[in-house]
Amino acid sequence: MIEIEEITRQLEQIASDENFEYLAERLSESWIMSGVGAEAVEPIVKFMEAHPEIDFGAPGALVHMIERPFGAESTERDSYEDVVLASIKRKPTMHTAWLLNRIINATSSSTKRDSFIQAFSDALGKQTLDEPTREQIMRFLEYQAARKQ
């Protein structure tokens, strides 16, 4: 099993590579082959926070990697949601906002959905929020409001 520190080290090794998206896909495949699962979520999300300038893809191999162990029936889904929420509260980025929106789209509980949407609203008040991420969060809030009607 790969340790969290090793996941972080491997991501940092490819962070500035112009072929990041391709290398992230290869890295994700190697992690899957070696049995990495839920333990990858937090280091990947923190990596996204530390490198908001990286084009992770649409949504990209890392998003698929961290969503993989968390189907609707997963008993660990709450921990995945908690990691993404903590990231949005700590340092929202384009990609972590995208992750939260994907969580909202898959959430059937109106109470949970409302709390996730509130996290988006709260993130808009952060002084450190960059303008592209602010605009993306506002689009997600508009989208979610339209879905609710």
N, C-alpha and C. Protein backbone atom coordinates (compact mmCIF):
# COMPACT_ATOMS: atom_id res chain seq x y z
N MET A 1 0.85 -1.19 0.00
CA MET A 1 0.00 0.00 0.00
C MET A 1 0.89 1.25 0.00
N ILE A 2 0.51 2.23 -0.79
CA ILE A 2 1.27 3.48 -0.88
C ILE A 2 0.85 4.40 0.27
N GLU A 3 1.83 5.00 0.90
CA GLU A 3 1.58 5.93 2.00
C GLU A 3 1.13 7.29 1.45
N ILE A 4 0.42 8.05 2.27
CA ILE A 4 -0.06 9.37 1.89
C ILE A 4 1.10 10.27 1.46
N GLU A 5 2.20 10.21 2.17
CA GLU A 5 3.36 11.03 1.83
C GLU A 5 3.89 10.69 0.45
N GLU A 6 3.80 9.43 0.07
CA GLU A 6 4.27 8.99 -1.24
C GLU A 6 3.33 9.52 -2.34
N ILE A 7 2.05 9.54 -2.08
CA ILE A 7 1.09 10.10 -3.04
C ILE A 7 1.43 11.57 -3.28
N THR A 8 1.63 12.30 -2.20
CA THR A 8 1.99 13.72 -2.30
C THR A 8 3.30 13.90 -3.05
N ARG A 9 4.30 13.09 -2.73
CA ARG A 9 5.61 13.20 -3.38
C ARG A 9 5.49 12.95 -4.88
N GLN A 10 4.74 11.93 -5.24
CA GLN A 10 4.57 11.61 -6.66
C GLN A 10 3.84 12.74 -7.41
N LEU A 11 2.85 13.32 -6.78
CA LEU A 11 2.14 14.43 -7.41
C LEU A 11 3.05 15.64 -7.57
N GLU A 12 3.82 15.94 -6.54
CA GLU A 12 4.73 17.09 -6.62
C GLU A 12 5.78 16.89 -7.71
N GLN A 13 6.18 15.65 -7.95
CA GLN A 13 7.16 15.37 -9.00
C GLN A 13 6.66 15.75 -10.38
N ILE A 14 5.36 15.65 -10.61
CA ILE A 14 4.83 15.94 -11.94
C ILE A 14 4.15 17.30 -12.03
N ALA A 15 4.10 18.05 -10.93
CA ALA A 15 3.33 19.29 -10.86
C ALA A 15 3.69 20.30 -11.95
N SER A 16 4.94 20.43 -12.27
CA SER A 16 5.34 21.45 -13.25
C SER A 16 5.58 20.89 -14.64
N ASP A 17 5.26 19.63 -14.84
CA ASP A 17 5.48 19.01 -16.14
C ASP A 17 4.40 19.46 -17.13
N GLU A 18 4.81 19.77 -18.35
CA GLU A 18 3.84 20.22 -19.36
C GLU A 18 2.87 19.11 -19.77
N ASN A 19 3.21 17.87 -19.45
CA ASN A 19 2.34 16.73 -19.73
C ASN A 19 1.62 16.26 -18.48
N PHE A 20 1.31 17.21 -17.60
CA PHE A 20 0.73 16.86 -16.30
C PHE A 20 -0.49 15.95 -16.43
N GLU A 21 -1.42 16.32 -17.30
CA GLU A 21 -2.66 15.56 -17.40
C GLU A 21 -2.39 14.09 -17.77
N TYR A 22 -1.50 13.88 -18.71
CA TYR A 22 -1.13 12.53 -19.11
C TYR A 22 -0.45 11.79 -17.96
N LEU A 23 0.50 12.46 -17.31
CA LEU A 23 1.23 11.83 -16.21
C LEU A 23 0.31 11.53 -15.02
N ALA A 24 -0.64 12.41 -14.77
CA ALA A 24 -1.61 12.17 -13.68
C ALA A 24 -2.46 10.95 -13.98
N GLU A 25 -2.79 10.77 -15.25
CA GLU A 25 -3.56 9.58 -15.63
C GLU A 25 -2.74 8.31 -15.40
N ARG A 26 -1.48 8.33 -15.80
CA ARG A 26 -0.61 7.16 -15.58
C ARG A 26 -0.42 6.90 -14.09
N LEU A 27 -0.24 7.96 -13.33
CA LEU A 27 -0.05 7.84 -11.89
C LEU A 27 -1.30 7.25 -11.24
N SER A 28 -2.47 7.74 -11.63
CA SER A 28 -3.73 7.22 -11.09
C SER A 28 -3.89 5.74 -11.39
N GLU A 29 -3.54 5.35 -12.62
CA GLU A 29 -3.63 3.94 -12.99
C GLU A 29 -2.71 3.08 -12.13
N SER A 30 -1.51 3.59 -11.86
CA SER A 30 -0.58 2.82 -11.02
C SER A 30 -1.09 2.71 -9.59
N TRP A 31 -1.72 3.78 -9.09
CA TRP A 31 -2.28 3.73 -7.74
C TRP A 31 -3.40 2.70 -7.66
N ILE A 32 -4.27 2.70 -8.66
CA ILE A 32 -5.38 1.74 -8.68
C ILE A 32 -4.83 0.31 -8.70
N MET A 33 -3.82 0.08 -9.53
CA MET A 33 -3.21 -1.25 -9.62
C MET A 33 -2.59 -1.69 -8.30
N SER A 34 -2.12 -0.72 -7.51
CA SER A 34 -1.49 -1.08 -6.23
C SER A 34 -2.47 -1.02 -5.06
N GLY A 35 -3.77 -0.83 -5.36
CA GLY A 35 -4.78 -0.90 -4.30
C GLY A 35 -5.06 0.38 -3.55
N VAL A 36 -4.60 1.51 -4.05
CA VAL A 36 -4.87 2.78 -3.39
C VAL A 36 -6.35 3.11 -3.57
N GLY A 37 -6.96 3.60 -2.49
CA GLY A 37 -8.38 3.94 -2.53
C GLY A 37 -8.64 5.25 -1.81
N ALA A 38 -9.48 5.19 -0.80
CA ALA A 38 -9.94 6.38 -0.09
C ALA A 38 -8.81 7.20 0.53
N GLU A 39 -7.70 6.56 0.85
CA GLU A 39 -6.60 7.30 1.47
C GLU A 39 -5.98 8.33 0.53
N ALA A 40 -6.28 8.26 -0.77
CA ALA A 40 -5.73 9.21 -1.75
C ALA A 40 -6.50 10.52 -1.77
N VAL A 41 -7.71 10.53 -1.26
CA VAL A 41 -8.57 11.71 -1.40
C VAL A 41 -7.93 12.96 -0.80
N GLU A 42 -7.57 12.91 0.46
CA GLU A 42 -7.06 14.12 1.11
C GLU A 42 -5.77 14.63 0.48
N PRO A 43 -4.77 13.78 0.21
CA PRO A 43 -3.57 14.33 -0.41
C PRO A 43 -3.82 14.90 -1.82
N ILE A 44 -4.72 14.31 -2.57
CA ILE A 44 -5.02 14.85 -3.90
C ILE A 44 -5.72 16.20 -3.77
N VAL A 45 -6.71 16.30 -2.88
CA VAL A 45 -7.42 17.56 -2.70
C VAL A 45 -6.47 18.65 -2.20
N LYS A 46 -5.60 18.32 -1.28
CA LYS A 46 -4.63 19.31 -0.80
C LYS A 46 -3.65 19.71 -1.90
N PHE A 47 -3.30 18.77 -2.77
CA PHE A 47 -2.45 19.08 -3.91
C PHE A 47 -3.18 20.07 -4.83
N MET A 48 -4.47 19.86 -5.06
CA MET A 48 -5.25 20.78 -5.88
C MET A 48 -5.27 22.18 -5.26
N GLU A 49 -5.38 22.25 -3.94
CA GLU A 49 -5.34 23.53 -3.25
C GLU A 49 -4.00 24.22 -3.45
N ALA A 50 -2.92 23.45 -3.36
CA ALA A 50 -1.57 24.01 -3.45
C ALA A 50 -1.20 24.40 -4.87
N HIS A 51 -1.90 23.84 -5.87
CA HIS A 51 -1.56 24.09 -7.28
C HIS A 51 -2.81 24.44 -8.09
N PRO A 52 -3.48 25.53 -7.74
CA PRO A 52 -4.72 25.87 -8.47
C PRO A 52 -4.47 26.25 -9.93
N GLU A 53 -3.23 26.53 -10.28
CA GLU A 53 -2.90 26.93 -11.65
C GLU A 53 -2.82 25.76 -12.62
N ILE A 54 -2.77 24.55 -12.11
CA ILE A 54 -2.64 23.36 -12.97
C ILE A 54 -3.96 23.06 -13.66
N ASP A 55 -3.87 22.69 -14.93
CA ASP A 55 -5.04 22.20 -15.66
C ASP A 55 -5.16 20.71 -15.34
N PHE A 56 -6.10 20.37 -14.49
CA PHE A 56 -6.27 18.98 -14.05
C PHE A 56 -7.09 18.16 -15.04
N GLY A 57 -7.68 18.79 -16.04
CA GLY A 57 -8.51 18.09 -16.99
C GLY A 57 -9.97 18.38 -16.73
N ALA A 58 -10.82 17.73 -17.50
CA ALA A 58 -12.25 18.00 -17.41
C ALA A 58 -13.05 16.71 -17.26
N PRO A 59 -13.19 16.13 -16.13
CA PRO A 59 -12.66 16.59 -14.84
C PRO A 59 -11.23 16.13 -14.57
N GLY A 60 -10.74 15.16 -15.30
CA GLY A 60 -9.36 14.73 -15.13
C GLY A 60 -9.21 13.45 -14.33
N ALA A 61 -8.05 12.84 -14.51
CA ALA A 61 -7.77 11.55 -13.88
C ALA A 61 -7.80 11.62 -12.36
N LEU A 62 -7.34 12.74 -11.78
CA LEU A 62 -7.32 12.82 -10.32
C LEU A 62 -8.73 12.87 -9.73
N VAL A 63 -9.64 13.55 -10.41
CA VAL A 63 -11.04 13.57 -9.95
C VAL A 63 -11.61 12.16 -10.04
N HIS A 64 -11.38 11.49 -11.14
CA HIS A 64 -11.87 10.12 -11.26
C HIS A 64 -11.25 9.22 -10.19
N MET A 65 -9.99 9.46 -9.90
CA MET A 65 -9.30 8.66 -8.89
C MET A 65 -9.96 8.84 -7.52
N ILE A 66 -10.24 10.06 -7.14
CA ILE A 66 -10.78 10.27 -5.80
C ILE A 66 -12.27 9.96 -5.70
N GLU A 67 -12.98 10.00 -6.82
CA GLU A 67 -14.40 9.64 -6.78
C GLU A 67 -14.61 8.14 -6.86
N ARG A 68 -13.64 7.42 -7.36
CA ARG A 68 -13.74 6.00 -7.62
C ARG A 68 -14.27 5.16 -6.44
N PRO A 69 -13.71 5.31 -5.24
CA PRO A 69 -14.18 4.45 -4.15
C PRO A 69 -15.50 4.89 -3.51
N PHE A 70 -16.13 5.94 -4.03
CA PHE A 70 -17.25 6.55 -3.32
C PHE A 70 -18.54 6.56 -4.10
N GLY A 71 -18.99 5.42 -4.53
CA GLY A 71 -20.29 5.33 -5.18
C GLY A 71 -21.39 5.69 -4.19
N ALA A 72 -22.59 5.80 -4.68
CA ALA A 72 -23.72 6.22 -3.85
C ALA A 72 -23.92 5.34 -2.63
N GLU A 73 -23.54 4.07 -2.73
CA GLU A 73 -23.76 3.13 -1.62
C GLU A 73 -22.55 3.02 -0.69
N SER A 74 -21.49 3.74 -0.98
CA SER A 74 -20.27 3.63 -0.19
C SER A 74 -20.49 4.11 1.24
N THR A 75 -19.96 3.35 2.18
CA THR A 75 -20.03 3.76 3.59
C THR A 75 -19.03 4.86 3.89
N GLU A 76 -18.06 5.06 2.98
CA GLU A 76 -17.06 6.10 3.18
C GLU A 76 -17.39 7.40 2.46
N ARG A 77 -18.54 7.46 1.80
CA ARG A 77 -18.90 8.65 1.02
C ARG A 77 -18.89 9.91 1.89
N ASP A 78 -19.37 9.80 3.13
CA ASP A 78 -19.38 10.97 4.00
C ASP A 78 -17.98 11.52 4.23
N SER A 79 -16.98 10.64 4.36
CA SER A 79 -15.62 11.13 4.59
C SER A 79 -15.09 11.87 3.36
N TYR A 80 -15.43 11.38 2.17
CA TYR A 80 -15.06 12.06 0.93
C TYR A 80 -15.70 13.45 0.89
N GLU A 81 -16.98 13.51 1.18
CA GLU A 81 -17.68 14.79 1.20
C GLU A 81 -17.06 15.73 2.22
N ASP A 82 -16.69 15.21 3.39
CA ASP A 82 -16.06 16.02 4.43
C ASP A 82 -14.73 16.61 3.98
N VAL A 83 -13.93 15.81 3.26
CA VAL A 83 -12.63 16.29 2.77
C VAL A 83 -12.84 17.43 1.78
N VAL A 84 -13.78 17.27 0.87
CA VAL A 84 -14.05 18.31 -0.13
C VAL A 84 -14.61 19.56 0.56
N LEU A 85 -15.53 19.39 1.50
CA LEU A 85 -16.07 20.54 2.23
C LEU A 85 -14.98 21.29 2.99
N ALA A 86 -14.11 20.56 3.66
CA ALA A 86 -13.01 21.19 4.40
C ALA A 86 -12.12 21.99 3.45
N SER A 87 -11.90 21.45 2.26
CA SER A 87 -11.08 22.15 1.27
C SER A 87 -11.76 23.44 0.81
N ILE A 88 -13.05 23.38 0.56
CA ILE A 88 -13.79 24.57 0.13
C ILE A 88 -13.73 25.64 1.23
N LYS A 89 -13.80 25.21 2.47
CA LYS A 89 -13.74 26.16 3.59
C LYS A 89 -12.32 26.72 3.77
N ARG A 90 -11.32 25.89 3.50
CA ARG A 90 -9.93 26.27 3.69
C ARG A 90 -9.42 27.14 2.55
N LYS A 91 -9.51 26.61 1.32
CA LYS A 91 -8.96 27.30 0.16
C LYS A 91 -9.66 26.81 -1.11
N PRO A 92 -10.81 27.39 -1.43
CA PRO A 92 -11.52 26.94 -2.62
C PRO A 92 -10.72 27.20 -3.89
N THR A 93 -10.75 26.23 -4.79
CA THR A 93 -10.10 26.37 -6.10
C THR A 93 -11.13 25.97 -7.15
N MET A 94 -10.80 26.22 -8.41
CA MET A 94 -11.72 25.85 -9.49
C MET A 94 -12.07 24.36 -9.41
N HIS A 95 -11.05 23.54 -9.20
CA HIS A 95 -11.30 22.10 -9.25
C HIS A 95 -12.01 21.58 -8.00
N THR A 96 -11.70 22.13 -6.84
CA THR A 96 -12.42 21.67 -5.65
C THR A 96 -13.87 22.15 -5.68
N ALA A 97 -14.11 23.33 -6.27
CA ALA A 97 -15.49 23.78 -6.45
C ALA A 97 -16.22 22.84 -7.40
N TRP A 98 -15.55 22.41 -8.43
CA TRP A 98 -16.13 21.46 -9.37
C TRP A 98 -16.47 20.15 -8.65
N LEU A 99 -15.56 19.71 -7.77
CA LEU A 99 -15.82 18.49 -6.99
C LEU A 99 -17.07 18.65 -6.13
N LEU A 100 -17.19 19.79 -5.46
CA LEU A 100 -18.36 20.00 -4.60
C LEU A 100 -19.63 20.03 -5.43
N ASN A 101 -19.59 20.64 -6.59
CA ASN A 101 -20.77 20.67 -7.44
C ASN A 101 -21.17 19.26 -7.87
N ARG A 102 -20.19 18.42 -8.17
CA ARG A 102 -20.47 17.03 -8.53
C ARG A 102 -21.11 16.28 -7.35
N ILE A 103 -20.65 16.59 -6.14
CA ILE A 103 -21.24 15.98 -4.94
C ILE A 103 -22.70 16.42 -4.80
N ILE A 104 -22.94 17.73 -4.98
CA ILE A 104 -24.31 18.24 -4.88
C ILE A 104 -25.21 17.54 -5.89
N ASN A 105 -24.71 17.40 -7.11
CA ASN A 105 -25.52 16.76 -8.16
C ASN A 105 -25.90 15.33 -7.81
N ALA A 106 -25.06 14.66 -7.03
CA ALA A 106 -25.29 13.25 -6.69
C ALA A 106 -26.00 13.08 -5.34
N THR A 107 -26.32 14.18 -4.67
CA THR A 107 -26.91 14.12 -3.34
C THR A 107 -28.43 14.14 -3.41
N SER A 108 -29.05 13.17 -2.77
CA SER A 108 -30.51 13.12 -2.77
C SER A 108 -31.11 13.77 -1.53
N SER A 109 -30.35 13.86 -0.45
CA SER A 109 -30.85 14.47 0.78
C SER A 109 -30.88 16.00 0.63
N SER A 110 -32.06 16.57 0.77
CA SER A 110 -32.17 18.02 0.62
C SER A 110 -31.42 18.76 1.73
N THR A 111 -31.36 18.18 2.92
CA THR A 111 -30.62 18.81 4.02
C THR A 111 -29.13 18.88 3.70
N LYS A 112 -28.57 17.77 3.24
CA LYS A 112 -27.15 17.75 2.88
C LYS A 112 -26.89 18.67 1.69
N ARG A 113 -27.77 18.60 0.72
CA ARG A 113 -27.63 19.44 -0.47
C ARG A 113 -27.60 20.91 -0.07
N ASP A 114 -28.50 21.32 0.81
CA ASP A 114 -28.55 22.71 1.27
C ASP A 114 -27.27 23.10 2.00
N SER A 115 -26.72 22.17 2.79
CA SER A 115 -25.48 22.50 3.52
C SER A 115 -24.30 22.63 2.55
N PHE A 116 -24.28 21.83 1.49
CA PHE A 116 -23.21 21.94 0.49
C PHE A 116 -23.34 23.26 -0.27
N ILE A 117 -24.56 23.63 -0.61
CA ILE A 117 -24.79 24.90 -1.31
C ILE A 117 -24.40 26.06 -0.40
N GLN A 118 -24.68 25.95 0.88
CA GLN A 118 -24.28 27.00 1.83
C GLN A 118 -22.75 27.13 1.87
N ALA A 119 -22.04 26.02 1.76
CA ALA A 119 -20.58 26.08 1.73
C ALA A 119 -20.10 26.89 0.53
N PHE A 120 -20.77 26.74 -0.61
CA PHE A 120 -20.44 27.57 -1.77
C PHE A 120 -20.67 29.05 -1.45
N SER A 121 -21.83 29.35 -0.88
CA SER A 121 -22.15 30.75 -0.54
C SER A 121 -21.12 31.32 0.42
N ASP A 122 -20.74 30.52 1.42
CA ASP A 122 -19.74 30.97 2.40
C ASP A 122 -18.39 31.22 1.73
N ALA A 123 -18.05 30.39 0.76
CA ALA A 123 -16.75 30.52 0.08
C ALA A 123 -16.66 31.85 -0.67
N LEU A 124 -17.79 32.36 -1.14
CA LEU A 124 -17.77 33.63 -1.87
C LEU A 124 -17.28 34.78 -1.00
N GLY A 125 -17.39 34.64 0.31
CA GLY A 125 -16.95 35.69 1.22
C GLY A 125 -15.46 35.64 1.57
N LYS A 126 -14.75 34.65 1.08
CA LYS A 126 -13.33 34.51 1.41
C LYS A 126 -12.51 35.55 0.67
N GLN A 127 -11.66 36.27 1.40
CA GLN A 127 -10.80 37.30 0.81
C GLN A 127 -9.78 36.71 -0.17
N THR A 128 -9.38 35.48 0.06
CA THR A 128 -8.34 34.85 -0.75
C THR A 128 -8.88 34.20 -2.03
N LEU A 129 -10.18 34.26 -2.24
CA LEU A 129 -10.79 33.62 -3.39
C LEU A 129 -10.44 34.37 -4.67
N ASP A 130 -9.86 33.67 -5.64
CA ASP A 130 -9.51 34.33 -6.90
C ASP A 130 -10.78 34.53 -7.74
N GLU A 131 -10.71 35.47 -8.66
CA GLU A 131 -11.89 35.85 -9.43
C GLU A 131 -12.44 34.73 -10.31
N PRO A 132 -11.61 33.96 -11.01
CA PRO A 132 -12.18 32.87 -11.81
C PRO A 132 -12.92 31.83 -10.96
N THR A 133 -12.40 31.53 -9.78
CA THR A 133 -13.07 30.57 -8.91
C THR A 133 -14.37 31.17 -8.37
N ARG A 134 -14.34 32.45 -8.03
CA ARG A 134 -15.56 33.14 -7.57
C ARG A 134 -16.64 33.05 -8.65
N GLU A 135 -16.27 33.33 -9.89
CA GLU A 135 -17.23 33.28 -10.99
C GLU A 135 -17.77 31.86 -11.19
N GLN A 136 -16.89 30.88 -11.07
CA GLN A 136 -17.31 29.48 -11.22
C GLN A 136 -18.30 29.08 -10.13
N ILE A 137 -18.00 29.47 -8.90
CA ILE A 137 -18.90 29.16 -7.79
C ILE A 137 -20.25 29.84 -8.00
N MET A 138 -20.24 31.07 -8.48
CA MET A 138 -21.50 31.78 -8.74
C MET A 138 -22.31 31.05 -9.83
N ARG A 139 -21.63 30.54 -10.86
CA ARG A 139 -22.33 29.77 -11.90
C ARG A 139 -22.93 28.48 -11.31
N PHE A 140 -22.15 27.82 -10.43
CA PHE A 140 -22.66 26.60 -9.80
C PHE A 140 -23.88 26.92 -8.93
N LEU A 141 -23.83 28.03 -8.20
CA LEU A 141 -24.98 28.41 -7.36
C LEU A 141 -26.21 28.70 -8.22
N GLU A 142 -26.01 29.38 -9.34
CA GLU A 142 -27.13 29.65 -10.26
C GLU A 142 -27.70 28.34 -10.80
N TYR A 143 -26.81 27.45 -11.19
CA TYR A 143 -27.23 26.15 -11.72
C TYR A 143 -28.03 25.37 -10.67
N GLN A 144 -27.51 25.33 -9.44
CA GLN A 144 -28.19 24.58 -8.39
C GLN A 144 -29.53 25.21 -8.03
N ALA A 145 -29.61 26.54 -8.07
CA ALA A 145 -30.88 27.21 -7.80
C ALA A 145 -31.90 26.85 -8.88
N ALA A 146 -31.46 26.80 -10.12
CA ALA A 146 -32.37 26.44 -11.22
C ALA A 146 -32.82 24.98 -11.11
N ARG A 147 -31.94 24.11 -10.65
CA ARG A 147 -32.30 22.69 -10.47
C ARG A 147 -33.34 22.51 -9.39
N LYS A 148 -33.28 23.35 -8.38
CA LYS A 148 -34.17 23.22 -7.22
C LYS A 148 -35.61 23.59 -7.57
N GLN A 149 -35.78 24.44 -8.57
CA GLN A 149 -37.12 24.93 -8.92
C GLN A 149 -37.96 23.88 -9.59
